[in-house]
Amino acid sequence: MLAIPLMLCLSAVWTGAIVWQICCCVVLAGIALPLCDIAEKHFNRKDDRRIVADEYLTFPICMIGLPICIPALGLAFITNRVLDILKPPPANWAQKLPGGLGIVADDVISALYALALNHVLFRLLT
């Protein structure tokens, strides 16, 4: 649920060009890498369920090009969670990478799937 407040905080830059949205996503995913790596070492367990930085810091990826509004946020939250659980290939393979890279990579890939689905659904539903 931290993803929604994060997107609201990003709303000032999100209304700009898509290139800025992509830059924000790259920076946030870059921040998630060392955080998740440190957390994995702290918990001494591969992708421990208590590690959530990967979930909310990669969420903006599935919102690229969409407005920050309740329908888009709700849709993105649902599709992102479902695709993160399903982990379609190559997300399921990326999860096996070591450390923070494996923790974050599967979420980035799942978020890209969600991004494509969100654009289709958002256009159909609005």
C-alpha atoms as a PDB file:
ATOM      1  CA  MET A   1       0.000   0.000   0.000  1.00  0.00           C
ATOM      2  CA  LEU A   2       3.016   2.342   0.244  1.00  0.00           C
ATOM      3  CA  ALA A   3       2.958   2.568  -3.539  1.00  0.00           C
ATOM      4  CA  ILE A   4      -0.141   4.778  -3.607  1.00  0.00           C
ATOM      5  CA  PRO A   5       1.285   7.519  -1.323  1.00  0.00           C
ATOM      6  CA  LEU A   6       4.553   7.302  -3.271  1.00  0.00           C
ATOM      7  CA  MET A   7       2.698   7.994  -6.516  1.00  0.00           C
ATOM      8  CA  LEU A   8       0.859  10.899  -4.928  1.00  0.00           C
ATOM      9  CA  CYS A   9       4.226  12.360  -3.874  1.00  0.00           C
ATOM     10  CA  LEU A  10       5.477  11.967  -7.445  1.00  0.00           C
ATOM     11  CA  SER A  11       2.419  13.672  -8.931  1.00  0.00           C
ATOM     12  CA  ALA A  12       4.251  16.991  -9.426  1.00  0.00           C
ATOM     13  CA  VAL A  13       6.808  15.433 -11.782  1.00  0.00           C
ATOM     14  CA  TRP A  14       4.491  12.770 -13.165  1.00  0.00           C
ATOM     15  CA  THR A  15       2.474  15.269 -15.204  1.00  0.00           C
ATOM     16  CA  GLY A  16       5.559  16.072 -17.277  1.00  0.00           C
ATOM     17  CA  ALA A  17       7.032  14.213 -20.219  1.00  0.00           C
ATOM     18  CA  ILE A  18       7.153  10.436 -20.172  1.00  0.00           C
ATOM     19  CA  VAL A  19      10.957  10.651 -20.183  1.00  0.00           C
ATOM     20  CA  TRP A  20      10.760  12.174 -16.668  1.00  0.00           C
ATOM     21  CA  GLN A  21       8.476   9.365 -15.548  1.00  0.00           C
ATOM     22  CA  ILE A  22      10.938   6.803 -16.868  1.00  0.00           C
ATOM     23  CA  CYS A  23      13.814   8.622 -15.125  1.00  0.00           C
ATOM     24  CA  CYS A  24      11.879   8.526 -11.839  1.00  0.00           C
ATOM     25  CA  CYS A  25      11.303   4.798 -12.275  1.00  0.00           C
ATOM     26  CA  VAL A  26      14.975   4.118 -12.996  1.00  0.00           C
ATOM     27  CA  VAL A  27      16.045   6.105  -9.917  1.00  0.00           C
ATOM     28  CA  LEU A  28      13.509   4.371  -7.659  1.00  0.00           C
ATOM     29  CA  ALA A  29      14.439   0.899  -8.914  1.00  0.00           C
ATOM     30  CA  GLY A  30      18.101   1.864  -8.434  1.00  0.00           C
ATOM     31  CA  ILE A  31      17.351   2.802  -4.831  1.00  0.00           C
ATOM     32  CA  ALA A  32      15.537  -0.512  -4.323  1.00  0.00           C
ATOM     33  CA  LEU A  33      18.560  -2.599  -5.380  1.00  0.00           C
ATOM     34  CA  PRO A  34      20.890  -1.838  -2.456  1.00  0.00           C
ATOM     35  CA  LEU A  35      18.000  -1.598   0.032  1.00  0.00           C
ATOM     36  CA  CYS A  36      16.800  -5.070  -0.885  1.00  0.00           C
ATOM     37  CA  ASP A  37      20.341  -6.440  -0.918  1.00  0.00           C
ATOM     38  CA  ILE A  38      20.964  -5.109   2.597  1.00  0.00           C
ATOM     39  CA  ALA A  39      17.585  -6.396   3.809  1.00  0.00           C
ATOM     40  CA  GLU A  40      18.238  -9.860   2.394  1.00  0.00           C
ATOM     41  CA  LYS A  41      21.550 -10.021   4.242  1.00  0.00           C
ATOM     42  CA  HIS A  42      19.901  -8.720   7.420  1.00  0.00           C
ATOM     43  CA  PHE A  43      17.119 -11.322   7.344  1.00  0.00           C
ATOM     44  CA  ASN A  44      19.536 -13.995   6.075  1.00  0.00           C
ATOM     45  CA  ARG A  45      16.861 -15.321   3.736  1.00  0.00           C
ATOM     46  CA  LYS A  46      16.339 -15.086  -0.045  1.00  0.00           C
ATOM     47  CA  ASP A  47      13.625 -12.501  -0.846  1.00  0.00           C
ATOM     48  CA  ASP A  48      12.155 -12.559   2.652  1.00  0.00           C
ATOM     49  CA  ARG A  49       8.499 -11.516   2.707  1.00  0.00           C
ATOM     50  CA  ARG A  50       9.386  -8.670   5.079  1.00  0.00           C
ATOM     51  CA  ILE A  51      11.337  -7.040   2.245  1.00  0.00           C
ATOM     52  CA  VAL A  52       8.834  -4.717   0.577  1.00  0.00           C
ATOM     53  CA  ALA A  53      10.979  -1.937  -0.902  1.00  0.00           C
ATOM     54  CA  ASP A  54      10.961  -3.791  -4.227  1.00  0.00           C
ATOM     55  CA  GLU A  55       7.152  -3.796  -4.263  1.00  0.00           C
ATOM     56  CA  TYR A  56       6.529  -0.099  -3.787  1.00  0.00           C
ATOM     57  CA  LEU A  57       9.656   1.321  -5.435  1.00  0.00           C
ATOM     58  CA  THR A  58       8.935  -0.501  -8.710  1.00  0.00           C
ATOM     59  CA  PHE A  59       5.182   0.250  -8.687  1.00  0.00           C
ATOM     60  CA  PRO A  60       5.564   3.552 -10.610  1.00  0.00           C
ATOM     61  CA  ILE A  61       6.739   1.539 -13.626  1.00  0.00           C
ATOM     62  CA  CYS A  62       3.209   0.254 -14.181  1.00  0.00           C
ATOM     63  CA  MET A  63       1.918   3.871 -14.160  1.00  0.00           C
ATOM     64  CA  ILE A  64       4.168   5.301 -16.909  1.00  0.00           C
ATOM     65  CA  GLY A  65       2.038   7.347 -19.282  1.00  0.00           C
ATOM     66  CA  LEU A  66      -1.075   7.091 -17.122  1.00  0.00           C
ATOM     67  CA  PRO A  67      -2.593   9.900 -15.076  1.00  0.00           C
ATOM     68  CA  ILE A  68      -2.382   9.830 -11.304  1.00  0.00           C
ATOM     69  CA  CYS A  69      -6.066   9.405 -10.548  1.00  0.00           C
ATOM     70  CA  ILE A  70      -8.076   6.951  -8.465  1.00  0.00           C
ATOM     71  CA  PRO A  71      -9.159   4.706 -11.398  1.00  0.00           C
ATOM     72  CA  ALA A  72      -5.615   4.422 -12.798  1.00  0.00           C
ATOM     73  CA  LEU A  73      -4.034   3.895  -9.365  1.00  0.00           C
ATOM     74  CA  GLY A  74      -6.582   1.220  -8.456  1.00  0.00           C
ATOM     75  CA  LEU A  75      -6.186  -0.564 -11.763  1.00  0.00           C
ATOM     76  CA  ALA A  76      -2.389  -0.399 -11.576  1.00  0.00           C
ATOM     77  CA  PHE A  77      -2.335  -1.661  -8.003  1.00  0.00           C
ATOM     78  CA  ILE A  78      -4.448  -4.704  -8.875  1.00  0.00           C
ATOM     79  CA  THR A  79      -2.636  -5.627 -12.095  1.00  0.00           C
ATOM     80  CA  ASN A  80       0.764  -5.095 -10.505  1.00  0.00           C
ATOM     81  CA  ARG A  81      -0.053  -7.353  -7.552  1.00  0.00           C
ATOM     82  CA  VAL A  82      -1.582 -10.086  -9.737  1.00  0.00           C
ATOM     83  CA  LEU A  83       1.354 -10.106 -12.156  1.00  0.00           C
ATOM     84  CA  ASP A  84       3.861  -9.996  -9.309  1.00  0.00           C
ATOM     85  CA  ILE A  85       2.223 -13.099  -7.848  1.00  0.00           C
ATOM     86  CA  LEU A  86       1.988 -14.895 -11.215  1.00  0.00           C
ATOM     87  CA  LYS A  87       5.543 -13.883 -12.223  1.00  0.00           C
ATOM     88  CA  PRO A  88       5.281 -14.517 -15.976  1.00  0.00           C
ATOM     89  CA  PRO A  89       8.538 -15.376 -17.714  1.00  0.00           C
ATOM     90  CA  PRO A  90      11.157 -13.989 -17.593  1.00  0.00           C
ATOM     91  CA  ALA A  91      10.145 -12.551 -14.181  1.00  0.00           C
ATOM     92  CA  ASN A  92      10.166 -16.018 -12.640  1.00  0.00           C
ATOM     93  CA  TRP A  93      13.705 -16.571 -13.910  1.00  0.00           C
ATOM     94  CA  ALA A  94      14.912 -13.122 -12.842  1.00  0.00           C
ATOM     95  CA  GLN A  95      13.848 -13.889  -9.286  1.00  0.00           C
ATOM     96  CA  LYS A  96      16.651 -16.452  -9.123  1.00  0.00           C
ATOM     97  CA  LEU A  97      19.356 -13.811  -9.633  1.00  0.00           C
ATOM     98  CA  PRO A  98      21.471 -13.188  -6.525  1.00  0.00           C
ATOM     99  CA  GLY A  99      20.832 -10.552  -3.858  1.00  0.00           C
ATOM    100  CA  GLY A 100      18.971  -7.328  -4.421  1.00  0.00           C
ATOM    101  CA  LEU A 101      19.139  -7.791  -8.194  1.00  0.00           C
ATOM    102  CA  GLY A 102      16.965 -10.908  -8.022  1.00  0.00           C
ATOM    103  CA  ILE A 103      14.561  -9.291  -5.574  1.00  0.00           C
ATOM    104  CA  VAL A 104      14.058  -6.199  -7.731  1.00  0.00           C
ATOM    105  CA  ALA A 105      14.387  -7.648 -11.258  1.00  0.00           C
ATOM    106  CA  ASP A 106      11.297  -9.855 -11.041  1.00  0.00           C
ATOM    107  CA  ASP A 107       9.232  -6.878  -9.839  1.00  0.00           C
ATOM    108  CA  VAL A 108      10.515  -4.657 -12.649  1.00  0.00           C
ATOM    109  CA  ILE A 109       9.591  -7.268 -15.256  1.00  0.00           C
ATOM    110  CA  SER A 110       6.172  -7.900 -13.690  1.00  0.00           C
ATOM    111  CA  ALA A 111       5.571  -4.138 -13.570  1.00  0.00           C
ATOM    112  CA  LEU A 112       6.370  -3.882 -17.291  1.00  0.00           C
ATOM    113  CA  TYR A 113       3.737  -6.535 -18.006  1.00  0.00           C
ATOM    114  CA  ALA A 114       1.317  -4.613 -15.789  1.00  0.00           C
ATOM    115  CA  LEU A 115       2.177  -1.391 -17.640  1.00  0.00           C
ATOM    116  CA  ALA A 116       1.150  -2.884 -20.982  1.00  0.00           C
ATOM    117  CA  LEU A 117      -2.034  -4.352 -19.520  1.00  0.00           C
ATOM    118  CA  ASN A 118      -2.874  -1.107 -17.708  1.00  0.00           C
ATOM    119  CA  HIS A 119      -2.709   0.924 -20.904  1.00  0.00           C
ATOM    120  CA  VAL A 120      -5.055  -1.472 -22.684  1.00  0.00           C
ATOM    121  CA  LEU A 121      -7.508  -1.669 -19.775  1.00  0.00           C
ATOM    122  CA  PHE A 122      -7.385   2.057 -18.978  1.00  0.00           C
ATOM    123  CA  ARG A 123      -8.251   2.883 -22.607  1.00  0.00           C
ATOM    124  CA  LEU A 124     -11.090   0.338 -22.629  1.00  0.00           C
ATOM    125  CA  LEU A 125     -12.543   1.382 -19.262  1.00  0.00           C
ATOM    126  CA  THR A 126     -12.343   5.177 -19.565  1.00  0.00           C
END
